[in-house]
């Protein structure tokens, strides 16, 4: 994996793919390996469809967790909007960015 990381940092994605293909028989059941392969394929512009084949099972497997995360984000965002509204209603100015 460290060798693959070196090539990844150099943006030699075809070489990273070759390294992953050598480890397929040992690692093909691990989601982390599949995700890394998907990323490498995605970075090679002509292999999006092949990358989808690696991404899709992982997304399906964790879909419930992703939808829960969306719900948490939605609640947090709604809470922030309410706080902002109350603060503006009271005449306070909230400083969101410091430029």
C-alpha atoms as a PDB file:
ATOM      1  CA  UNK A   1       0.000   0.000   0.000  1.00  0.00           C
ATOM      2  CA  UNK A   2       2.860   2.399   0.684  1.00  0.00           C
ATOM      3  CA  UNK A   3       4.205   1.873  -2.811  1.00  0.00           C
ATOM      4  CA  UNK A   4       0.759   2.653  -4.215  1.00  0.00           C
ATOM      5  CA  UNK A   5       0.641   5.819  -2.084  1.00  0.00           C
ATOM      6  CA  UNK A   6       3.911   7.020  -3.612  1.00  0.00           C
ATOM      7  CA  UNK A   7       2.543   6.616  -7.129  1.00  0.00           C
ATOM      8  CA  UNK A   8      -0.784   8.164  -6.081  1.00  0.00           C
ATOM      9  CA  UNK A   9       1.009  11.281  -4.833  1.00  0.00           C
ATOM     10  CA  UNK A  10       2.860  11.466  -8.157  1.00  0.00           C
ATOM     11  CA  UNK A  11      -0.491  11.097  -9.959  1.00  0.00           C
ATOM     12  CA  UNK A  12       0.644   7.935 -11.767  1.00  0.00           C
ATOM     13  CA  UNK A  13      -2.744   6.282 -11.483  1.00  0.00           C
ATOM     14  CA  UNK A  14      -2.067   3.522 -14.011  1.00  0.00           C
ATOM     15  CA  UNK A  15       0.869   2.334 -11.913  1.00  0.00           C
ATOM     16  CA  UNK A  16      -1.294   2.399  -8.782  1.00  0.00           C
ATOM     17  CA  UNK A  17      -3.884   0.308 -10.623  1.00  0.00           C
ATOM     18  CA  UNK A  18      -1.190  -2.241 -11.544  1.00  0.00           C
ATOM     19  CA  UNK A  19      -0.167  -2.532  -7.893  1.00  0.00           C
ATOM     20  CA  UNK A  20      -3.759  -3.072  -6.799  1.00  0.00           C
ATOM     21  CA  UNK A  21      -4.323  -5.686  -9.497  1.00  0.00           C
ATOM     22  CA  UNK A  22      -1.356  -7.650  -8.089  1.00  0.00           C
ATOM     23  CA  UNK A  23      -3.014  -7.708  -4.655  1.00  0.00           C
ATOM     24  CA  UNK A  24      -6.509  -8.651  -5.831  1.00  0.00           C
ATOM     25  CA  UNK A  25      -6.382 -12.260  -4.628  1.00  0.00           C
ATOM     26  CA  UNK A  26      -5.434 -11.189  -1.090  1.00  0.00           C
ATOM     27  CA  UNK A  27      -7.521  -8.064  -0.657  1.00  0.00           C
ATOM     28  CA  UNK A  28     -10.581  -8.258  -2.887  1.00  0.00           C
ATOM     29  CA  UNK A  29     -12.936  -8.907   0.044  1.00  0.00           C
ATOM     30  CA  UNK A  30     -11.943  -5.752   1.948  1.00  0.00           C
ATOM     31  CA  UNK A  31     -14.055  -2.621   1.469  1.00  0.00           C
ATOM     32  CA  UNK A  32     -11.064  -0.325   1.985  1.00  0.00           C
ATOM     33  CA  UNK A  33      -9.201  -2.001  -0.853  1.00  0.00           C
ATOM     34  CA  UNK A  34     -12.272  -1.807  -3.096  1.00  0.00           C
ATOM     35  CA  UNK A  35     -12.689   1.867  -2.273  1.00  0.00           C
ATOM     36  CA  UNK A  36      -9.053   2.588  -3.080  1.00  0.00           C
ATOM     37  CA  UNK A  37      -9.345   0.758  -6.402  1.00  0.00           C
ATOM     38  CA  UNK A  38     -12.511   2.716  -7.190  1.00  0.00           C
ATOM     39  CA  UNK A  39     -10.718   6.002  -6.497  1.00  0.00           C
ATOM     40  CA  UNK A  40      -7.803   5.023  -8.742  1.00  0.00           C
ATOM     41  CA  UNK A  41     -10.119   4.044 -11.572  1.00  0.00           C
ATOM     42  CA  UNK A  42     -12.165   7.216 -11.136  1.00  0.00           C
ATOM     43  CA  UNK A  43      -9.042   9.366 -11.432  1.00  0.00           C
ATOM     44  CA  UNK A  44      -8.374   7.812 -14.837  1.00  0.00           C
ATOM     45  CA  UNK A  45     -10.958   9.623 -16.922  1.00  0.00           C
ATOM     46  CA  UNK A  46     -11.720   6.722 -19.235  1.00  0.00           C
ATOM     47  CA  UNK A  47     -12.573   4.257 -16.426  1.00  0.00           C
ATOM     48  CA  UNK A  48     -15.584   5.851 -14.717  1.00  0.00           C
ATOM     49  CA  UNK A  49     -17.887   2.924 -15.478  1.00  0.00           C
ATOM     50  CA  UNK A  50     -15.385   0.435 -14.051  1.00  0.00           C
ATOM     51  CA  UNK A  51     -15.036   2.609 -10.934  1.00  0.00           C
ATOM     52  CA  UNK A  52     -18.801   2.534 -10.495  1.00  0.00           C
ATOM     53  CA  UNK A  53     -18.629  -1.247 -10.213  1.00  0.00           C
ATOM     54  CA  UNK A  54     -16.440  -0.857  -7.122  1.00  0.00           C
ATOM     55  CA  UNK A  55     -18.295   2.106  -5.590  1.00  0.00           C
ATOM     56  CA  UNK A  56     -21.838   0.790  -5.971  1.00  0.00           C
ATOM     57  CA  UNK A  57     -21.661  -2.253  -3.628  1.00  0.00           C
ATOM     58  CA  UNK A  58     -20.030  -0.131  -0.919  1.00  0.00           C
ATOM     59  CA  UNK A  59     -22.661   2.589  -1.209  1.00  0.00           C
ATOM     60  CA  UNK A  60     -25.467   0.015  -1.122  1.00  0.00           C
ATOM     61  CA  UNK A  61     -23.917  -1.681   1.907  1.00  0.00           C
ATOM     62  CA  UNK A  62     -23.693   1.595   3.845  1.00  0.00           C
ATOM     63  CA  UNK A  63     -26.760   3.357   2.446  1.00  0.00           C
ATOM     64  CA  UNK A  64     -28.588   3.403   5.793  1.00  0.00           C
ATOM     65  CA  UNK A  65     -25.624   5.072   7.472  1.00  0.00           C
ATOM     66  CA  UNK A  66     -25.396   7.655   4.698  1.00  0.00           C
ATOM     67  CA  UNK A  67     -29.091   8.496   4.987  1.00  0.00           C
ATOM     68  CA  UNK A  68     -28.735   8.816   8.780  1.00  0.00           C
ATOM     69  CA  UNK A  69     -25.830  11.178   8.251  1.00  0.00           C
ATOM     70  CA  UNK A  70     -27.993  13.243   5.907  1.00  0.00           C
ATOM     71  CA  UNK A  71     -30.704  13.423   8.600  1.00  0.00           C
ATOM     72  CA  UNK A  72     -28.180  14.593  11.203  1.00  0.00           C
ATOM     73  CA  UNK A  73     -26.829  17.232   8.825  1.00  0.00           C
ATOM     74  CA  UNK A  74     -30.367  18.391   8.015  1.00  0.00           C
ATOM     75  CA  UNK A  75     -31.209  18.744  11.737  1.00  0.00           C
ATOM     76  CA  UNK A  76     -27.958  20.597  12.413  1.00  0.00           C
ATOM     77  CA  UNK A  77     -28.552  22.923   9.472  1.00  0.00           C
ATOM     78  CA  UNK A  78     -32.124  23.590  10.616  1.00  0.00           C
ATOM     79  CA  UNK A  79     -30.923  24.295  14.159  1.00  0.00           C
ATOM     80  CA  UNK A  80     -28.347  26.768  12.820  1.00  0.00           C
ATOM     81  CA  UNK A  81     -31.015  28.528  10.751  1.00  0.00           C
ATOM     82  CA  UNK A  82     -33.258  28.877  13.808  1.00  0.00           C
ATOM     83  CA  UNK A  83     -30.392  30.279  15.884  1.00  0.00           C
ATOM     84  CA  UNK A  84     -29.517  32.725  13.124  1.00  0.00           C
ATOM     85  CA  UNK A  85     -33.139  33.821  12.817  1.00  0.00           C
ATOM     86  CA  UNK A  86     -33.516  34.313  16.602  1.00  0.00           C
ATOM     87  CA  UNK A  87     -30.272  36.233  16.763  1.00  0.00           C
ATOM     88  CA  UNK A  88     -31.274  38.550  13.939  1.00  0.00           C
ATOM     89  CA  UNK A  89     -34.730  38.959  15.472  1.00  0.00           C
ATOM     90  CA  UNK A  90     -33.195  40.180  18.729  1.00  0.00           C
ATOM     91  CA  UNK A  91     -31.168  42.729  16.816  1.00  0.00           C
ATOM     92  CA  UNK A  92     -27.855  40.967  17.305  1.00  0.00           C
ATOM     93  CA  UNK A  93     -25.454  40.623  14.453  1.00  0.00           C
ATOM     94  CA  UNK A  94     -23.890  37.226  14.007  1.00  0.00           C
ATOM     95  CA  UNK A  95     -20.458  37.213  12.481  1.00  0.00           C
ATOM     96  CA  UNK A  96     -20.246  34.174  10.238  1.00  0.00           C
ATOM     97  CA  UNK A  97     -16.975  34.866   8.472  1.00  0.00           C
ATOM     98  CA  UNK A  98     -13.964  36.855   9.542  1.00  0.00           C
ATOM     99  CA  UNK A  99     -12.471  38.594   6.556  1.00  0.00           C
END
